Amino acid sequence: MSRREGSLEDPQADSSVSPLPHLEAKIRQTHSLARLLTKYAEQLLQEYVQHQGEPFGLPGFSPPRLPVAGLSAPAAGHAGLPAPERLRLDAAALSALPPLLDVVRRHQAELNPRAPRLLRRLEDAARQARALGAAVEAVLAALGAETRGPPAEPAAAASAAAAAAGVFPAKVLGLRVCGLYREWFT
């Protein structure tokens, strides 16, 4: 639900837009949840970086932007897409995020077992992405639009690749996943 991708139509702007009060309420609720999660996503990324040690968080540090299985950043033209298509892409991203966040949480449990707040934030982020994804899918269903896009690649592939490559790639994967979580909400 990034700002770049636009926002759900404000049903209060013109009450004649939809005769379905249930749909209007669901849209308002979903939009409010997305706005609430914007700040949370930024806090998660900051907390993640804080617990990774050097070189993470150093000025000028630019980790490689590795691809993440099943998820990419919102495209630049996302905001211009018709609402049903934009919402389908949102729903696909929101269904891909929870398993990836779970992978990051498992890695961080091994790498930073004394960071319970970070682990809790990662768990909360996965739960929140699931909740928002369900809300977006409910809006799509109420609009009569197809609710599922193409299936995302399993996050297990990302986990196995990062774990096999070592600690630094696992940390970079976590940074990338937290960054994508933020990008889909800001």
Foldseek 3Di string as FASTA:
>chain_A
DAVLLPADDQCVVDVVPDPDPVLNVLRVVLRVLLQVCLVLLVVLLVLLQVPPDPPRPPPPDDDDLDDAFQDDFDDNCNNVDPVLVSLQNLLSRLVQLLQLLVLLLVLCCVVPVVCVVSSVSSNVLSVSSVVSSVSSLVSCVVVVHDNHDDHTDGNVVVSVVQVVVDDVSSSVSSSNSSVRSNSSRD
